[in-house]
């Protein structure tokens, strides 16, 4: 008898505030910010940002805020979404090829620092330089070993806060 696993998702709470000041009149402000793609996941909007419309163009989905405002104020953009990953299963015996067939520049990509892959953190540094992963040239066992290592090693914080140019963005993650 087959047992179905319950798929859990992440509930993400975005709250951003935009401070504005105009020199004269009542300007029209137009903001466009992208929504999470539905590629390999289902995205449920639990709370829409006020005065925003959800639009789609091609494969991109975005919120559009377009309103006349006073000469000074705050625009609050708050939304809550839930993301459910779509399960995908790979046949473990399938031949995915060899690591040696992957260009060196791509193999070394994850050993390079970027804004979303901060190598100065111990966890990311350890992951990107983990030598036990390279005992095989086959991609399938390598991906399985890397996946197991990451699931067992990385712990996600309950609350994340980021400040960018005077704005504070808070994300809440729930497993």
C-alpha atoms as a PDB file:
ATOM      1  CA  UNK A   1       0.000   0.000   0.000  1.00  0.00           C
ATOM      2  CA  UNK A   2       1.388   3.370  -1.000  1.00  0.00           C
ATOM      3  CA  UNK A   3       1.694   6.038   1.665  1.00  0.00           C
ATOM      4  CA  UNK A   4       1.403   9.653   0.595  1.00  0.00           C
ATOM      5  CA  UNK A   5       3.559  12.156   2.447  1.00  0.00           C
ATOM      6  CA  UNK A   6       1.995  15.424   3.465  1.00  0.00           C
ATOM      7  CA  UNK A   7       3.805  18.246   1.729  1.00  0.00           C
ATOM      8  CA  UNK A   8       4.670  21.151   3.985  1.00  0.00           C
ATOM      9  CA  UNK A   9       5.376  24.631   2.768  1.00  0.00           C
ATOM     10  CA  UNK A  10       6.840  27.895   3.906  1.00  0.00           C
ATOM     11  CA  UNK A  11       4.776  30.853   4.976  1.00  0.00           C
ATOM     12  CA  UNK A  12       6.608  34.055   4.112  1.00  0.00           C
ATOM     13  CA  UNK A  13       5.612  37.446   5.462  1.00  0.00           C
ATOM     14  CA  UNK A  14       7.002  40.420   3.521  1.00  0.00           C
ATOM     15  CA  UNK A  15       6.519  43.890   4.949  1.00  0.00           C
ATOM     16  CA  UNK A  16       8.234  46.766   3.244  1.00  0.00           C
ATOM     17  CA  UNK A  17       7.751  50.493   3.709  1.00  0.00           C
ATOM     18  CA  UNK A  18       8.643  53.075   1.118  1.00  0.00           C
ATOM     19  CA  UNK A  19       9.121  56.641   2.333  1.00  0.00           C
ATOM     20  CA  UNK A  20       8.573  59.295  -0.339  1.00  0.00           C
ATOM     21  CA  UNK A  21       8.650  63.051  -0.650  1.00  0.00           C
ATOM     22  CA  UNK A  22       7.751  65.121  -3.733  1.00  0.00           C
ATOM     23  CA  UNK A  23       8.640  68.715  -4.416  1.00  0.00           C
ATOM     24  CA  UNK A  24       5.203  69.720  -5.750  1.00  0.00           C
ATOM     25  CA  UNK A  25       1.728  68.497  -6.600  1.00  0.00           C
ATOM     26  CA  UNK A  26       0.317  65.045  -6.173  1.00  0.00           C
ATOM     27  CA  UNK A  27       2.556  62.688  -8.127  1.00  0.00           C
ATOM     28  CA  UNK A  28       1.485  59.300  -9.420  1.00  0.00           C
ATOM     29  CA  UNK A  29       3.715  56.549  -8.087  1.00  0.00           C
ATOM     30  CA  UNK A  30       4.092  53.308 -10.000  1.00  0.00           C
ATOM     31  CA  UNK A  31       5.820  50.368  -8.313  1.00  0.00           C
ATOM     32  CA  UNK A  32       6.309  46.953  -9.822  1.00  0.00           C
ATOM     33  CA  UNK A  33       7.614  44.081  -7.712  1.00  0.00           C
ATOM     34  CA  UNK A  34       7.824  40.479  -8.745  1.00  0.00           C
ATOM     35  CA  UNK A  35       5.835  37.661  -7.232  1.00  0.00           C
ATOM     36  CA  UNK A  36       7.217  34.175  -6.636  1.00  0.00           C
ATOM     37  CA  UNK A  37       7.215  32.039  -9.801  1.00  0.00           C
ATOM     38  CA  UNK A  38       5.090  28.903  -9.917  1.00  0.00           C
ATOM     39  CA  UNK A  39       7.945  26.862 -11.388  1.00  0.00           C
ATOM     40  CA  UNK A  40       8.219  23.644  -9.335  1.00  0.00           C
ATOM     41  CA  UNK A  41       6.098  25.131  -6.554  1.00  0.00           C
ATOM     42  CA  UNK A  42       2.587  26.257  -5.786  1.00  0.00           C
ATOM     43  CA  UNK A  43       2.291  29.780  -4.426  1.00  0.00           C
ATOM     44  CA  UNK A  44      -0.768  30.738  -2.403  1.00  0.00           C
ATOM     45  CA  UNK A  45      -1.354  34.397  -1.576  1.00  0.00           C
ATOM     46  CA  UNK A  46      -2.720  34.633   1.963  1.00  0.00           C
ATOM     47  CA  UNK A  47      -2.709  38.437   2.098  1.00  0.00           C
ATOM     48  CA  UNK A  48      -2.437  40.763  -0.903  1.00  0.00           C
ATOM     49  CA  UNK A  49      -0.555  44.053  -0.546  1.00  0.00           C
ATOM     50  CA  UNK A  50      -3.065  46.910  -0.306  1.00  0.00           C
ATOM     51  CA  UNK A  51      -3.812  48.888  -3.467  1.00  0.00           C
ATOM     52  CA  UNK A  52      -1.862  46.418  -5.623  1.00  0.00           C
ATOM     53  CA  UNK A  53      -3.000  44.348  -8.564  1.00  0.00           C
ATOM     54  CA  UNK A  54      -1.515  40.994  -9.504  1.00  0.00           C
ATOM     55  CA  UNK A  55      -0.459  40.961 -13.182  1.00  0.00           C
ATOM     56  CA  UNK A  56       1.145  38.393 -15.459  1.00  0.00           C
ATOM     57  CA  UNK A  57       3.338  38.817 -18.496  1.00  0.00           C
ATOM     58  CA  UNK A  58       4.778  35.677 -20.035  1.00  0.00           C
ATOM     59  CA  UNK A  59       6.162  33.503 -17.239  1.00  0.00           C
ATOM     60  CA  UNK A  60       6.532  36.461 -14.871  1.00  0.00           C
ATOM     61  CA  UNK A  61       3.964  37.405 -12.264  1.00  0.00           C
ATOM     62  CA  UNK A  62       4.207  40.724 -10.466  1.00  0.00           C
ATOM     63  CA  UNK A  63       2.316  43.130  -8.256  1.00  0.00           C
ATOM     64  CA  UNK A  64       1.607  46.603  -9.577  1.00  0.00           C
ATOM     65  CA  UNK A  65       0.992  49.605  -7.331  1.00  0.00           C
ATOM     66  CA  UNK A  66      -0.082  52.715  -9.254  1.00  0.00           C
ATOM     67  CA  UNK A  67      -1.737  55.597  -7.388  1.00  0.00           C
ATOM     68  CA  UNK A  68      -1.640  59.329  -6.926  1.00  0.00           C
ATOM     69  CA  UNK A  69      -0.182  60.230  -3.570  1.00  0.00           C
ATOM     70  CA  UNK A  70       0.389  63.353  -1.498  1.00  0.00           C
ATOM     71  CA  UNK A  71       3.649  65.249  -1.416  1.00  0.00           C
ATOM     72  CA  UNK A  72       5.002  63.230   1.507  1.00  0.00           C
ATOM     73  CA  UNK A  73       4.140  59.872   3.020  1.00  0.00           C
ATOM     74  CA  UNK A  74       4.725  56.179   3.455  1.00  0.00           C
ATOM     75  CA  UNK A  75       3.599  53.372   1.185  1.00  0.00           C
ATOM     76  CA  UNK A  76       3.274  50.108   3.075  1.00  0.00           C
ATOM     77  CA  UNK A  77       3.575  46.944   1.010  1.00  0.00           C
ATOM     78  CA  UNK A  78       2.696  43.934   3.121  1.00  0.00           C
ATOM     79  CA  UNK A  79       1.959  40.489   1.788  1.00  0.00           C
ATOM     80  CA  UNK A  80       1.832  36.983   3.161  1.00  0.00           C
ATOM     81  CA  UNK A  81       2.313  33.982   0.916  1.00  0.00           C
ATOM     82  CA  UNK A  82       2.659  30.252   1.365  1.00  0.00           C
ATOM     83  CA  UNK A  83       4.988  28.319  -0.932  1.00  0.00           C
ATOM     84  CA  UNK A  84       4.450  24.576  -1.401  1.00  0.00           C
ATOM     85  CA  UNK A  85       7.201  22.763  -3.318  1.00  0.00           C
ATOM     86  CA  UNK A  86       6.033  20.326  -5.988  1.00  0.00           C
ATOM     87  CA  UNK A  87       7.672  16.995  -5.262  1.00  0.00           C
ATOM     88  CA  UNK A  88       9.831  15.572  -7.996  1.00  0.00           C
ATOM     89  CA  UNK A  89      11.412  12.206  -7.972  1.00  0.00           C
ATOM     90  CA  UNK A  90      14.398  11.058  -9.956  1.00  0.00           C
ATOM     91  CA  UNK A  91      15.126   7.468 -10.753  1.00  0.00           C
ATOM     92  CA  UNK A  92      18.243   6.704  -8.766  1.00  0.00           C
ATOM     93  CA  UNK A  93      19.588   4.262 -11.349  1.00  0.00           C
ATOM     94  CA  UNK A  94      19.259   6.818 -14.130  1.00  0.00           C
ATOM     95  CA  UNK A  95      22.533   7.881 -15.741  1.00  0.00           C
ATOM     96  CA  UNK A  96      22.881  11.619 -15.191  1.00  0.00           C
ATOM     97  CA  UNK A  97      26.357  11.790 -16.698  1.00  0.00           C
ATOM     98  CA  UNK A  98      29.707  12.605 -15.161  1.00  0.00           C
ATOM     99  CA  UNK A  99      31.021  15.605 -13.278  1.00  0.00           C
ATOM    100  CA  UNK A 100      34.046  15.627 -15.588  1.00  0.00           C
ATOM    101  CA  UNK A 101      31.663  16.450 -18.467  1.00  0.00           C
ATOM    102  CA  UNK A 102      30.565  19.679 -16.746  1.00  0.00           C
ATOM    103  CA  UNK A 103      32.713  22.705 -17.692  1.00  0.00           C
ATOM    104  CA  UNK A 104      35.216  23.695 -14.961  1.00  0.00           C
ATOM    105  CA  UNK A 105      33.777  27.248 -14.727  1.00  0.00           C
ATOM    106  CA  UNK A 106      30.405  25.780 -13.714  1.00  0.00           C
ATOM    107  CA  UNK A 107      31.981  23.231 -11.336  1.00  0.00           C
ATOM    108  CA  UNK A 108      33.777  26.072  -9.519  1.00  0.00           C
ATOM    109  CA  UNK A 109      30.775  28.426  -9.470  1.00  0.00           C
ATOM    110  CA  UNK A 110      29.720  27.442  -5.938  1.00  0.00           C
ATOM    111  CA  UNK A 111      33.199  28.073  -4.590  1.00  0.00           C
ATOM    112  CA  UNK A 112      32.878  31.741  -5.576  1.00  0.00           C
ATOM    113  CA  UNK A 113      31.330  34.420  -3.365  1.00  0.00           C
ATOM    114  CA  UNK A 114      28.118  36.222  -4.401  1.00  0.00           C
ATOM    115  CA  UNK A 115      25.503  38.295  -2.504  1.00  0.00           C
ATOM    116  CA  UNK A 116      23.269  35.240  -2.017  1.00  0.00           C
ATOM    117  CA  UNK A 117      26.117  32.766  -1.444  1.00  0.00           C
ATOM    118  CA  UNK A 118      28.275  34.410   1.256  1.00  0.00           C
ATOM    119  CA  UNK A 119      31.402  32.271   1.487  1.00  0.00           C
ATOM    120  CA  UNK A 120      32.580  34.142   4.588  1.00  0.00           C
ATOM    121  CA  UNK A 121      30.005  32.220   6.648  1.00  0.00           C
ATOM    122  CA  UNK A 122      31.307  28.963   8.107  1.00  0.00           C
ATOM    123  CA  UNK A 123      28.383  26.821   6.906  1.00  0.00           C
ATOM    124  CA  UNK A 124      28.584  27.944   3.274  1.00  0.00           C
ATOM    125  CA  UNK A 125      32.390  27.722   3.268  1.00  0.00           C
ATOM    126  CA  UNK A 126      32.233  24.167   4.616  1.00  0.00           C
ATOM    127  CA  UNK A 127      29.587  23.156   2.066  1.00  0.00           C
ATOM    128  CA  UNK A 128      31.423  24.641  -0.917  1.00  0.00           C
ATOM    129  CA  UNK A 129      34.733  23.037   0.055  1.00  0.00           C
ATOM    130  CA  UNK A 130      33.454  19.671   1.283  1.00  0.00           C
ATOM    131  CA  UNK A 131      35.947  17.207  -0.222  1.00  0.00           C
ATOM    132  CA  UNK A 132      33.976  13.998   0.455  1.00  0.00           C
ATOM    133  CA  UNK A 133      31.566  14.918  -2.331  1.00  0.00           C
ATOM    134  CA  UNK A 134      34.237  14.502  -4.969  1.00  0.00           C
ATOM    135  CA  UNK A 135      34.978  10.800  -4.415  1.00  0.00           C
ATOM    136  CA  UNK A 136      32.840   9.950  -7.444  1.00  0.00           C
ATOM    137  CA  UNK A 137      32.577  11.315 -10.953  1.00  0.00           C
ATOM    138  CA  UNK A 138      28.924  10.291 -11.351  1.00  0.00           C
ATOM    139  CA  UNK A 139      26.440  13.151 -11.011  1.00  0.00           C
ATOM    140  CA  UNK A 140      23.553  11.182  -9.453  1.00  0.00           C
ATOM    141  CA  UNK A 141      25.365   9.938  -6.287  1.00  0.00           C
ATOM    142  CA  UNK A 142      27.064  13.337  -5.973  1.00  0.00           C
ATOM    143  CA  UNK A 143      23.702  15.162  -5.987  1.00  0.00           C
ATOM    144  CA  UNK A 144      22.283  12.712  -3.439  1.00  0.00           C
ATOM    145  CA  UNK A 145      25.310  13.145  -1.130  1.00  0.00           C
ATOM    146  CA  UNK A 146      25.184  16.950  -1.456  1.00  0.00           C
ATOM    147  CA  UNK A 147      21.441  17.005  -0.760  1.00  0.00           C
ATOM    148  CA  UNK A 148      21.800  14.832   2.342  1.00  0.00           C
ATOM    149  CA  UNK A 149      24.708  16.932   3.616  1.00  0.00           C
ATOM    150  CA  UNK A 150      22.821  20.206   3.156  1.00  0.00           C
ATOM    151  CA  UNK A 151      19.610  18.901   4.791  1.00  0.00           C
ATOM    152  CA  UNK A 152      21.564  17.672   7.804  1.00  0.00           C
ATOM    153  CA  UNK A 153      23.850  20.707   8.096  1.00  0.00           C
ATOM    154  CA  UNK A 154      21.943  23.921   7.319  1.00  0.00           C
ATOM    155  CA  UNK A 155      19.579  25.219   9.971  1.00  0.00           C
ATOM    156  CA  UNK A 156      17.206  27.987   8.906  1.00  0.00           C
ATOM    157  CA  UNK A 157      16.503  30.838  11.330  1.00  0.00           C
ATOM    158  CA  UNK A 158      12.902  31.461  12.347  1.00  0.00           C
ATOM    159  CA  UNK A 159      13.059  35.177  11.579  1.00  0.00           C
ATOM    160  CA  UNK A 160      15.224  36.981   9.065  1.00  0.00           C
ATOM    161  CA  UNK A 161      15.607  40.743   8.850  1.00  0.00           C
ATOM    162  CA  UNK A 162      17.402  42.698   6.177  1.00  0.00           C
ATOM    163  CA  UNK A 163      17.946  46.451   5.886  1.00  0.00           C
ATOM    164  CA  UNK A 164      18.542  47.881   2.424  1.00  0.00           C
ATOM    165  CA  UNK A 165      19.005  51.628   1.927  1.00  0.00           C
ATOM    166  CA  UNK A 166      16.975  52.616   4.962  1.00  0.00           C
ATOM    167  CA  UNK A 167      14.169  50.097   4.365  1.00  0.00           C
ATOM    168  CA  UNK A 168      13.597  47.160   6.651  1.00  0.00           C
ATOM    169  CA  UNK A 169      12.266  43.940   5.238  1.00  0.00           C
ATOM    170  CA  UNK A 170      11.261  41.134   7.592  1.00  0.00           C
ATOM    171  CA  UNK A 171      10.606  37.565   6.479  1.00  0.00           C
ATOM    172  CA  UNK A 172       9.139  34.914   8.757  1.00  0.00           C
ATOM    173  CA  UNK A 173       9.783  31.291   7.838  1.00  0.00           C
ATOM    174  CA  UNK A 174       7.690  28.426   9.159  1.00  0.00           C
ATOM    175  CA  UNK A 175       8.413  24.780   8.423  1.00  0.00           C
END
